[in-house]
Amino acid sequence: MSEIQEKIQIRAFLKPTCGWSNGVRAVLRKYNLAFDDVDIISNPVAYMEMVQKSHQRLSPCVEVDGVMLADVSGEEVESYLIQKGLVHPSESSDSTPINQGCPSH
């Protein structure tokens, strides 16, 4: 893990099982980034924190060094991280889709 990666503070407001949430997890794992995986389904206080910080109710939301990325896919998180120079583009052996919705049940 690089010095920059060690200093990045990431809180990911995610559902335990969801395509979008799993895509965010896959991207953060791909770049070996430490992150707080906040379960918004079993923790209503965390859900309300996400709503307050993101100003909307959809997930996933990822807070990177105080910047809230609201209602994002793993693809969008990866793009943000690359654009800000926090990571360099790389390939992954993880086959988890990073841009796939939650199944509708």
Protein backbone atom coordinates (compact mmCIF):
# COMPACT_ATOMS: atom_id res chain seq x y z
CA MET A 1 0.00 0.00 0.00
CA SER A 2 1.40 3.39 -0.96
CA GLU A 3 1.75 6.30 1.43
CA ILE A 4 -1.14 8.09 -0.30
CA GLN A 5 -3.36 5.00 -0.01
CA GLU A 6 -2.61 4.74 3.71
CA LYS A 7 -3.71 8.35 4.29
CA ILE A 8 -7.01 8.21 2.37
CA GLN A 9 -10.01 8.13 4.71
CA ILE A 10 -12.93 6.23 3.15
CA ARG A 11 -16.37 5.50 4.58
CA ALA A 12 -18.58 3.47 2.28
CA PHE A 13 -22.29 3.47 3.10
CA LEU A 14 -23.35 0.13 1.61
CA LYS A 15 -25.94 -2.61 1.65
CA PRO A 16 -24.68 -6.06 2.72
CA THR A 17 -25.81 -7.68 -0.53
CA CYS A 18 -26.29 -5.47 -3.55
CA GLY A 19 -24.66 -5.32 -6.97
CA TRP A 20 -23.85 -1.62 -6.67
CA SER A 21 -22.44 -2.04 -3.15
CA ASN A 22 -20.40 -5.09 -4.16
CA GLY A 23 -19.00 -3.11 -7.10
CA VAL A 24 -17.80 -0.37 -4.74
CA ARG A 25 -16.21 -2.98 -2.46
CA ALA A 26 -14.49 -4.61 -5.46
CA VAL A 27 -12.94 -1.29 -6.56
CA LEU A 28 -11.71 -0.44 -3.07
CA ARG A 29 -10.22 -3.95 -2.71
CA LYS A 30 -8.67 -3.70 -6.19
CA TYR A 31 -6.63 -0.70 -5.06
CA ASN A 32 -5.97 -2.18 -1.62
CA LEU A 33 -7.67 0.79 0.06
CA ALA A 34 -8.69 0.53 3.68
CA PHE A 35 -12.31 1.59 4.17
CA ASP A 36 -15.06 1.58 6.74
CA ASP A 37 -17.85 -0.63 5.33
CA VAL A 38 -20.95 0.95 6.89
CA ASP A 39 -24.04 -1.29 6.76
CA ILE A 40 -27.01 1.01 6.10
CA ILE A 41 -29.57 -1.80 6.26
CA SER A 42 -29.00 -3.11 9.79
CA ASN A 43 -27.91 0.25 11.19
CA PRO A 44 -30.62 2.94 10.87
CA VAL A 45 -28.36 5.56 12.49
CA ALA A 46 -25.75 4.96 9.76
CA TYR A 47 -28.47 5.22 7.11
CA MET A 48 -29.58 8.59 8.50
CA GLU A 49 -25.95 9.76 8.57
CA MET A 50 -25.65 8.83 4.90
CA VAL A 51 -28.86 10.74 4.06
CA GLN A 52 -27.70 13.77 6.03
CA LYS A 53 -24.26 13.83 4.39
CA SER A 54 -25.37 12.97 0.83
CA HIS A 55 -28.67 14.89 0.84
CA GLN A 56 -30.44 11.92 -0.75
CA ARG A 57 -31.61 8.39 0.12
CA LEU A 58 -30.00 6.20 -2.54
CA SER A 59 -26.92 4.06 -2.01
CA PRO A 60 -24.09 3.38 -2.34
CA CYS A 61 -22.55 6.57 -1.05
CA VAL A 62 -18.82 6.79 -0.53
CA GLU A 63 -17.10 9.49 1.50
CA VAL A 64 -13.48 9.99 0.40
CA ASP A 65 -11.50 12.38 2.57
CA GLY A 66 -14.67 14.30 3.43
CA VAL A 67 -16.03 14.42 -0.14
CA MET A 68 -19.34 12.58 -0.50
CA LEU A 69 -19.90 10.63 -3.72
CA ALA A 70 -23.66 10.04 -3.69
CA ASP A 71 -25.50 7.16 -5.35
CA VAL A 72 -22.41 5.83 -7.17
CA SER A 73 -21.29 2.65 -8.84
CA GLY A 74 -17.88 1.07 -8.38
CA GLU A 75 -17.01 2.39 -11.83
CA GLU A 76 -17.77 5.95 -10.74
CA VAL A 77 -15.76 5.55 -7.52
CA GLU A 78 -12.80 4.23 -9.50
CA SER A 79 -13.04 7.12 -11.96
CA TYR A 80 -13.08 9.64 -9.08
CA LEU A 81 -10.06 8.04 -7.39
CA ILE A 82 -8.08 8.05 -10.64
CA GLN A 83 -9.12 11.61 -11.56
CA LYS A 84 -7.98 12.89 -8.14
CA GLY A 85 -4.66 11.04 -8.45
CA LEU A 86 -5.37 8.88 -5.42
CA VAL A 87 -4.78 5.66 -7.40
CA HIS A 88 -3.33 4.74 -10.77
CA PRO A 89 -5.42 2.71 -13.24
CA SER A 90 -4.84 -1.01 -12.98
CA GLU A 91 -6.45 -4.28 -13.95
CA SER A 92 -8.03 -6.64 -11.43
CA SER A 93 -8.36 -10.39 -11.27
CA ASP A 94 -11.61 -9.95 -9.30
CA SER A 95 -14.55 -10.75 -11.56
CA THR A 96 -17.09 -8.81 -9.46
CA PRO A 97 -19.05 -6.44 -11.74
CA ILE A 98 -18.41 -2.84 -10.70
CA ASN A 99 -21.41 -1.36 -12.49
CA GLN A 100 -24.35 -3.69 -11.77
CA GLY A 101 -27.55 -2.93 -9.95
CA CYS A 102 -29.18 -4.73 -7.06
CA PRO A 103 -31.56 -7.56 -7.90
CA SER A 104 -35.18 -6.51 -7.56
CA HIS A 105 -37.03 -8.82 -5.19
